């Protein structure tokens, strides 16, 4: 009641459709599967990380 008195809006209500749409559900499942495969194909962050010692680069001597 305090929120209503201060003019804070109630959350928007979304009702479920009265009858499930199987074609839309199948399309959503296909999109989710494609997205999952795309995420699974990304390189793992641990693959780039290494605990190997750093090897200094060999290059021309620096002149100051």
PDB file of N, CA and C in Angstrom:
ATOM      1  N   UNK A   1       0.827  -1.195   0.000  1.00  0.00           N
ATOM      2  CA  UNK A   1       0.000   0.000   0.000  1.00  0.00           C
ATOM      3  C   UNK A   1       0.862   1.246   0.000  1.00  0.00           C
ATOM      4  N   UNK A   2       1.983   1.197   0.685  1.00  0.00           N
ATOM      5  CA  UNK A   2       2.860   2.359   0.732  1.00  0.00           C
ATOM      6  C   UNK A   2       3.363   2.704  -0.670  1.00  0.00           C
ATOM      7  N   UNK A   3       3.686   1.685  -1.464  1.00  0.00           N
ATOM      8  CA  UNK A   3       4.159   1.941  -2.822  1.00  0.00           C
ATOM      9  C   UNK A   3       3.071   2.583  -3.665  1.00  0.00           C
ATOM     10  N   UNK A   4       1.855   2.136  -3.512  1.00  0.00           N
ATOM     11  CA  UNK A   4       0.757   2.725  -4.269  1.00  0.00           C
ATOM     12  C   UNK A   4       0.548   4.176  -3.856  1.00  0.00           C
ATOM     13  N   UNK A   5       0.674   4.443  -2.574  1.00  0.00           N
ATOM     14  CA  UNK A   5       0.474   5.804  -2.095  1.00  0.00           C
ATOM     15  C   UNK A   5       1.556   6.728  -2.643  1.00  0.00           C
ATOM     16  N   UNK A   6       2.793   6.216  -2.772  1.00  0.00           N
ATOM     17  CA  UNK A   6       3.889   7.027  -3.284  1.00  0.00           C
ATOM     18  C   UNK A   6       3.893   7.091  -4.807  1.00  0.00           C
ATOM     19  N   UNK A   7       3.036   6.353  -5.454  1.00  0.00           N
ATOM     20  CA  UNK A   7       2.946   6.414  -6.906  1.00  0.00           C
ATOM     21  C   UNK A   7       3.868   5.447  -7.625  1.00  0.00           C
ATOM     22  N   UNK A   8       4.351   4.423  -6.939  1.00  0.00           N
ATOM     23  CA  UNK A   8       5.191   3.423  -7.586  1.00  0.00           C
ATOM     24  C   UNK A   8       4.277   2.474  -8.355  1.00  0.00           C
ATOM     25  N   UNK A   9       4.608   2.230  -9.623  1.00  0.00           N
ATOM     26  CA  UNK A   9       3.768   1.390 -10.473  1.00  0.00           C
ATOM     27  C   UNK A   9       3.891  -0.078 -10.086  1.00  0.00           C
ATOM     28  N   UNK A  10       2.821  -0.792 -10.275  1.00  0.00           N
ATOM     29  CA  UNK A  10       2.828  -2.231 -10.060  1.00  0.00           C
ATOM     30  C   UNK A  10       3.584  -2.905 -11.210  1.00  0.00           C
ATOM     31  N   UNK A  11       4.188  -4.054 -10.978  1.00  0.00           N
ATOM     32  CA  UNK A  11       4.874  -4.750 -12.074  1.00  0.00           C
ATOM     33  C   UNK A  11       3.884  -5.159 -13.159  1.00  0.00           C
ATOM     34  N   UNK A  12       4.384  -5.167 -14.378  1.00  0.00           N
ATOM     35  CA  UNK A  12       3.535  -5.536 -15.510  1.00  0.00           C
ATOM     36  C   UNK A  12       3.261  -7.038 -15.472  1.00  0.00           C
ATOM     37  N   UNK A  13       2.040  -7.402 -15.758  1.00  0.00           N
ATOM     38  CA  UNK A  13       1.630  -8.805 -15.704  1.00  0.00           C
ATOM     39  C   UNK A  13       1.568  -9.360 -17.125  1.00  0.00           C
ATOM     40  N   UNK A  14       2.181 -10.528 -17.336  1.00  0.00           N
ATOM     41  CA  UNK A  14       2.128 -11.216 -18.631  1.00  0.00           C
ATOM     42  C   UNK A  14       1.477 -12.572 -18.396  1.00  0.00           C
ATOM     43  N   UNK A  15       0.350 -12.773 -19.020  1.00  0.00           N
ATOM     44  CA  UNK A  15      -0.343 -14.044 -18.883  1.00  0.00           C
ATOM     45  C   UNK A  15       0.127 -15.022 -19.949  1.00  0.00           C
ATOM     46  N   UNK A  16       0.137 -16.281 -19.601  1.00  0.00           N
ATOM     47  CA  UNK A  16       0.495 -17.310 -20.561  1.00  0.00           C
ATOM     48  C   UNK A  16      -0.613 -17.436 -21.600  1.00  0.00           C
ATOM     49  N   UNK A  17      -0.269 -17.796 -22.832  1.00  0.00           N
ATOM     50  CA  UNK A  17      -1.314 -17.963 -23.843  1.00  0.00           C
ATOM     51  C   UNK A  17      -2.266 -19.092 -23.432  1.00  0.00           C
ATOM     52  N   UNK A  18      -3.539 -18.971 -23.797  1.00  0.00           N
ATOM     53  CA  UNK A  18      -4.516 -19.980 -23.385  1.00  0.00           C
ATOM     54  C   UNK A  18      -4.215 -21.371 -23.943  1.00  0.00           C
ATOM     55  N   UNK A  19      -3.665 -21.449 -25.156  1.00  0.00           N
ATOM     56  CA  UNK A  19      -3.339 -22.745 -25.752  1.00  0.00           C
ATOM     57  C   UNK A  19      -1.877 -22.716 -26.189  1.00  0.00           C
ATOM     58  N   UNK A  20      -1.101 -23.729 -25.839  1.00  0.00           N
ATOM     59  CA  UNK A  20       0.305 -23.735 -26.244  1.00  0.00           C
ATOM     60  C   UNK A  20       0.442 -23.795 -27.764  1.00  0.00           C
ATOM     61  N   UNK A  21       1.423 -23.107 -28.279  1.00  0.00           N
ATOM     62  CA  UNK A  21       1.691 -23.081 -29.713  1.00  0.00           C
ATOM     63  C   UNK A  21       2.879 -24.009 -29.970  1.00  0.00           C
ATOM     64  N   UNK A  22       2.617 -25.201 -30.462  1.00  0.00           N
ATOM     65  CA  UNK A  22       3.673 -26.206 -30.627  1.00  0.00           C
ATOM     66  C   UNK A  22       4.691 -25.792 -31.686  1.00  0.00           C
ATOM     67  N   UNK A  23       4.261 -25.123 -32.742  1.00  0.00           N
ATOM     68  CA  UNK A  23       5.207 -24.698 -33.777  1.00  0.00           C
ATOM     69  C   UNK A  23       6.166 -23.651 -33.223  1.00  0.00           C
ATOM     70  N   UNK A  24       5.624 -22.737 -32.454  1.00  0.00           N
ATOM     71  CA  UNK A  24       6.462 -21.702 -31.856  1.00  0.00           C
ATOM     72  C   UNK A  24       7.418 -22.317 -30.829  1.00  0.00           C
ATOM     73  N   UNK A  25       6.947 -23.286 -30.069  1.00  0.00           N
ATOM     74  CA  UNK A  25       7.799 -23.968 -29.094  1.00  0.00           C
ATOM     75  C   UNK A  25       8.910 -24.733 -29.796  1.00  0.00           C
ATOM     76  N   UNK A  26       8.607 -25.387 -30.907  1.00  0.00           N
ATOM     77  CA  UNK A  26       9.625 -26.127 -31.658  1.00  0.00           C
ATOM     78  C   UNK A  26      10.656 -25.169 -32.244  1.00  0.00           C
ATOM     79  N   UNK A  27      10.209 -24.012 -32.740  1.00  0.00           N
ATOM     80  CA  UNK A  27      11.126 -23.010 -33.273  1.00  0.00           C
ATOM     81  C   UNK A  27      12.038 -22.487 -32.164  1.00  0.00           C
ATOM     82  N   UNK A  28      11.472 -22.229 -30.998  1.00  0.00           N
ATOM     83  CA  UNK A  28      12.275 -21.768 -29.870  1.00  0.00           C
ATOM     84  C   UNK A  28      13.306 -22.823 -29.468  1.00  0.00           C
ATOM     85  N   UNK A  29      12.913 -24.080 -29.440  1.00  0.00           N
ATOM     86  CA  UNK A  29      13.835 -25.148 -29.089  1.00  0.00           C
ATOM     87  C   UNK A  29      14.976 -25.236 -30.103  1.00  0.00           C
ATOM     88  N   UNK A  30      14.665 -25.092 -31.391  1.00  0.00           N
ATOM     89  CA  UNK A  30      15.712 -25.107 -32.421  1.00  0.00           C
ATOM     90  C   UNK A  30      16.691 -23.958 -32.219  1.00  0.00           C
ATOM     91  N   UNK A  31      16.160 -22.761 -31.946  1.00  0.00           N
ATOM     92  CA  UNK A  31      17.029 -21.605 -31.728  1.00  0.00           C
ATOM     93  C   UNK A  31      17.900 -21.800 -30.493  1.00  0.00           C
ATOM     94  N   UNK A  32      17.328 -22.364 -29.436  1.00  0.00           N
ATOM     95  CA  UNK A  32      18.105 -22.618 -28.224  1.00  0.00           C
ATOM     96  C   UNK A  32      19.208 -23.635 -28.467  1.00  0.00           C
ATOM     97  N   UNK A  33      18.897 -24.681 -29.248  1.00  0.00           N
ATOM     98  CA  UNK A  33      19.908 -25.700 -29.559  1.00  0.00           C
ATOM     99  C   UNK A  33      21.041 -25.097 -30.390  1.00  0.00           C
ATOM    100  N   UNK A  34      20.703 -24.261 -31.380  1.00  0.00           N
ATOM    101  CA  UNK A  34      21.742 -23.619 -32.194  1.00  0.00           C
ATOM    102  C   UNK A  34      22.616 -22.710 -31.338  1.00  0.00           C
ATOM    103  N   UNK A  35      21.989 -21.962 -30.449  1.00  0.00           N
ATOM    104  CA  UNK A  35      22.752 -21.076 -29.567  1.00  0.00           C
ATOM    105  C   UNK A  35      23.650 -21.888 -28.638  1.00  0.00           C
ATOM    106  N   UNK A  36      23.138 -22.996 -28.133  1.00  0.00           N
ATOM    107  CA  UNK A  36      23.939 -23.854 -27.264  1.00  0.00           C
ATOM    108  C   UNK A  36      25.132 -24.438 -27.985  1.00  0.00           C
ATOM    109  N   UNK A  37      24.928 -24.879 -29.224  1.00  0.00           N
ATOM    110  CA  UNK A  37      26.045 -25.410 -30.003  1.00  0.00           C
ATOM    111  C   UNK A  37      27.073 -24.320 -30.283  1.00  0.00           C
ATOM    112  N   UNK A  38      26.587 -23.103 -30.553  1.00  0.00           N
ATOM    113  CA  UNK A  38      27.504 -21.983 -30.794  1.00  0.00           C
ATOM    114  C   UNK A  38      28.337 -21.672 -29.562  1.00  0.00           C
ATOM    115  N   UNK A  39      27.705 -21.699 -28.405  1.00  0.00           N
ATOM    116  CA  UNK A  39      28.441 -21.448 -27.163  1.00  0.00           C
ATOM    117  C   UNK A  39      29.421 -22.576 -26.868  1.00  0.00           C
ATOM    118  N   UNK A  40      29.018 -23.805 -27.143  1.00  0.00           N
ATOM    119  CA  UNK A  40      29.898 -24.940 -26.888  1.00  0.00           C
ATOM    120  C   UNK A  40      31.125 -24.910 -27.804  1.00  0.00           C
ATOM    121  N   UNK A  41      30.991 -24.303 -28.980  1.00  0.00           N
ATOM    122  CA  UNK A  41      32.101 -24.248 -29.928  1.00  0.00           C
ATOM    123  C   UNK A  41      33.108 -23.152 -29.576  1.00  0.00           C
ATOM    124  N   UNK A  42      32.752 -22.242 -28.680  1.00  0.00           N
ATOM    125  CA  UNK A  42      33.675 -21.179 -28.301  1.00  0.00           C
ATOM    126  C   UNK A  42      34.841 -21.771 -27.516  1.00  0.00           C
ATOM    127  N   UNK A  43      36.018 -21.158 -27.663  1.00  0.00           N
ATOM    128  CA  UNK A  43      37.159 -21.678 -26.901  1.00  0.00           C
ATOM    129  C   UNK A  43      36.958 -21.444 -25.406  1.00  0.00           C
ATOM    130  N   UNK A  44      37.434 -22.369 -24.634  1.00  0.00           N
ATOM    131  CA  UNK A  44      37.342 -22.269 -23.181  1.00  0.00           C
ATOM    132  C   UNK A  44      38.350 -21.236 -22.698  1.00  0.00           C
ATOM    133  N   UNK A  45      37.974 -20.432 -21.734  1.00  0.00           N
ATOM    134  CA  UNK A  45      38.877 -19.412 -21.196  1.00  0.00           C
ATOM    135  C   UNK A  45      40.119 -20.059 -20.601  1.00  0.00           C
ATOM    136  N   UNK A  46      39.993 -21.267 -20.091  1.00  0.00           N
ATOM    137  CA  UNK A  46      41.136 -21.967 -19.504  1.00  0.00           C
ATOM    138  C   UNK A  46      42.123 -22.431 -20.570  1.00  0.00           C
ATOM    139  N   UNK A  47      41.659 -22.570 -21.818  1.00  0.00           N
ATOM    140  CA  UNK A  47      42.565 -23.004 -22.880  1.00  0.00           C
ATOM    141  C   UNK A  47      43.642 -21.954 -23.150  1.00  0.00           C
ATOM    142  N   UNK A  48      43.287 -20.684 -23.007  1.00  0.00           N
ATOM    143  CA  UNK A  48      44.238 -19.608 -23.276  1.00  0.00           C
ATOM    144  C   UNK A  48      45.155 -19.354 -22.084  1.00  0.00           C
ATOM    145  N   UNK A  49      44.697 -19.703 -20.911  1.00  0.00           N
ATOM    146  CA  UNK A  49      45.506 -19.476 -19.718  1.00  0.00           C
ATOM    147  C   UNK A  49      46.613 -20.525 -19.647  1.00  0.00           C
ATOM    148  N   UNK A  50      47.735 -20.114 -19.131  1.00  0.00           N
ATOM    149  CA  UNK A  50      48.837 -21.054 -19.006  1.00  0.00           C
ATOM    150  C   UNK A  50      49.590 -20.785 -17.713  1.00  0.00           C
ATOM    151  N   UNK A  51      50.152 -21.819 -17.178  1.00  0.00           N
ATOM    152  CA  UNK A  51      50.987 -21.677 -15.989  1.00  0.00           C
ATOM    153  C   UNK A  51      52.446 -21.904 -16.350  1.00  0.00           C
ATOM    154  N   UNK A  52      52.722 -22.032 -17.644  1.00  0.00           N
ATOM    155  CA  UNK A  52      54.100 -22.249 -18.096  1.00  0.00           C
ATOM    156  C   UNK A  52      54.917 -20.981 -17.838  1.00  0.00           C
ATOM    157  N   UNK A  53      56.202 -21.131 -17.557  1.00  0.00           N
ATOM    158  CA  UNK A  53      57.035 -19.947 -17.330  1.00  0.00           C
ATOM    159  C   UNK A  53      57.152 -19.121 -18.609  1.00  0.00           C
ATOM    160  N   UNK A  54      57.247 -17.836 -18.435  1.00  0.00           N
ATOM    161  CA  UNK A  54      57.371 -16.925 -19.575  1.00  0.00           C
ATOM    162  C   UNK A  54      58.791 -16.990 -20.125  1.00  0.00           C
ATOM    163  N   UNK A  55      58.909 -17.089 -21.429  1.00  0.00           N
ATOM    164  CA  UNK A  55      60.208 -17.139 -22.090  1.00  0.00           C
ATOM    165  C   UNK A  55      60.451 -15.769 -22.712  1.00  0.00           C
ATOM    166  N   UNK A  56      61.579 -15.119 -22.386  1.00  0.00           N
ATOM    167  CA  UNK A  56      61.836 -13.802 -22.963  1.00  0.00           C
ATOM    168  C   UNK A  56      62.035 -13.905 -24.471  1.00  0.00           C
ATOM    169  N   UNK A  57      61.568 -12.894 -25.162  1.00  0.00           N
ATOM    170  CA  UNK A  57      61.731 -12.866 -26.622  1.00  0.00           C
ATOM    171  C   UNK A  57      63.160 -12.515 -26.974  1.00  0.00           C
ATOM    172  N   UNK A  58      63.648 -13.146 -28.017  1.00  0.00           N
ATOM    173  CA  UNK A  58      64.992 -12.815 -28.529  1.00  0.00           C
ATOM    174  C   UNK A  58      64.817 -11.811 -29.642  1.00  0.00           C
ATOM    175  N   UNK A  59      65.412 -10.674 -29.495  1.00  0.00           N
ATOM    176  CA  UNK A  59      65.313  -9.648 -30.520  1.00  0.00           C
ATOM    177  C   UNK A  59      66.578  -8.833 -30.565  1.00  0.00           C
ATOM    178  N   UNK A  60      66.577  -7.799 -31.354  1.00  0.00           N
ATOM    179  CA  UNK A  60      67.776  -6.963 -31.411  1.00  0.00           C
ATOM    180  C   UNK A  60      68.009  -6.309 -30.049  1.00  0.00           C
ATOM    181  N   UNK A  61      69.268  -6.068 -29.699  1.00  0.00           N
ATOM    182  CA  UNK A  61      69.549  -5.416 -28.419  1.00  0.00           C
ATOM    183  C   UNK A  61      68.965  -4.013 -28.383  1.00  0.00           C
ATOM    184  N   UNK A  62      68.550  -3.625 -27.227  1.00  0.00           N
ATOM    185  CA  UNK A  62      67.978  -2.289 -27.053  1.00  0.00           C
ATOM    186  C   UNK A  62      69.100  -1.279 -26.860  1.00  0.00           C
ATOM    187  N   UNK A  63      68.969  -0.150 -27.507  1.00  0.00           N
ATOM    188  CA  UNK A  63      69.954   0.917 -27.310  1.00  0.00           C
ATOM    189  C   UNK A  63      69.237   2.091 -26.671  1.00  0.00           C
ATOM    190  N   UNK A  64      69.823   2.585 -25.598  1.00  0.00           N
ATOM    191  CA  UNK A  64      69.195   3.681 -24.867  1.00  0.00           C
ATOM    192  C   UNK A  64      69.882   4.963 -25.165  1.00  0.00           C
TER     193      UNK A  64
END
